[in-house]
Amino acid sequence: HIGLGVKCSKEVATAIRGAIILAKLSVLPVRRGYWG
């Protein structure tokens, strides 16, 4: 149970990081468009 919990938490952490990276990549062009 502990091992599964750790694995799930790691997968969730990587998923969250991926979502944050995607959000940043999608936001940056918009900001450049506004400021540019």
C-alpha atoms as a PDB file:
ATOM      1  CA  HIS A   1       0.000   0.000   0.000  1.00  0.00           C
ATOM      2  CA  ILE A   2       2.797   2.432   0.909  1.00  0.00           C
ATOM      3  CA  GLY A   3       4.660   1.651  -2.304  1.00  0.00           C
ATOM      4  CA  LEU A   4       1.535   2.236  -4.400  1.00  0.00           C
ATOM      5  CA  GLY A   5       0.886   5.519  -2.576  1.00  0.00           C
ATOM      6  CA  VAL A   6       4.401   6.739  -3.308  1.00  0.00           C
ATOM      7  CA  LYS A   7       4.119   5.723  -6.959  1.00  0.00           C
ATOM      8  CA  CYS A   8       0.773   7.497  -7.318  1.00  0.00           C
ATOM      9  CA  SER A   9       2.059  10.648  -5.617  1.00  0.00           C
ATOM     10  CA  LYS A  10       5.093  10.694  -7.929  1.00  0.00           C
ATOM     11  CA  GLU A  11       2.879  10.272 -10.993  1.00  0.00           C
ATOM     12  CA  VAL A  12       0.591  13.042  -9.770  1.00  0.00           C
ATOM     13  CA  ALA A  13       3.590  15.315  -9.152  1.00  0.00           C
ATOM     14  CA  THR A  14       4.932  14.728 -12.671  1.00  0.00           C
ATOM     15  CA  ALA A  15       1.456  15.272 -14.121  1.00  0.00           C
ATOM     16  CA  ILE A  16       1.132  18.572 -12.244  1.00  0.00           C
ATOM     17  CA  ARG A  17       4.591  19.679 -13.391  1.00  0.00           C
ATOM     18  CA  GLY A  18       3.703  18.793 -16.970  1.00  0.00           C
ATOM     19  CA  ALA A  19       0.468  20.790 -16.709  1.00  0.00           C
ATOM     20  CA  ILE A  20       2.343  23.789 -15.288  1.00  0.00           C
ATOM     21  CA  ILE A  21       4.919  23.618 -18.092  1.00  0.00           C
ATOM     22  CA  LEU A  22       2.154  23.405 -20.710  1.00  0.00           C
ATOM     23  CA  ALA A  23       0.362  26.343 -19.084  1.00  0.00           C
ATOM     24  CA  LYS A  24       3.552  28.432 -19.147  1.00  0.00           C
ATOM     25  CA  LEU A  25       4.210  27.537 -22.790  1.00  0.00           C
ATOM     26  CA  SER A  26       0.639  28.475 -23.749  1.00  0.00           C
ATOM     27  CA  VAL A  27       0.766  31.728 -21.739  1.00  0.00           C
ATOM     28  CA  LEU A  28       4.154  32.998 -22.971  1.00  0.00           C
ATOM     29  CA  PRO A  29       3.124  33.471 -26.656  1.00  0.00           C
ATOM     30  CA  VAL A  30      -0.010  35.326 -25.534  1.00  0.00           C
ATOM     31  CA  ARG A  31       2.030  37.709 -23.379  1.00  0.00           C
ATOM     32  CA  ARG A  32       4.487  38.284 -26.233  1.00  0.00           C
ATOM     33  CA  GLY A  33       1.541  38.993 -28.516  1.00  0.00           C
ATOM     34  CA  TYR A  34       0.130  41.596 -26.127  1.00  0.00           C
ATOM     35  CA  TRP A  35       3.448  43.271 -25.323  1.00  0.00           C
ATOM     36  CA  GLY A  36       4.876  42.899 -28.828  1.00  0.00           C
END
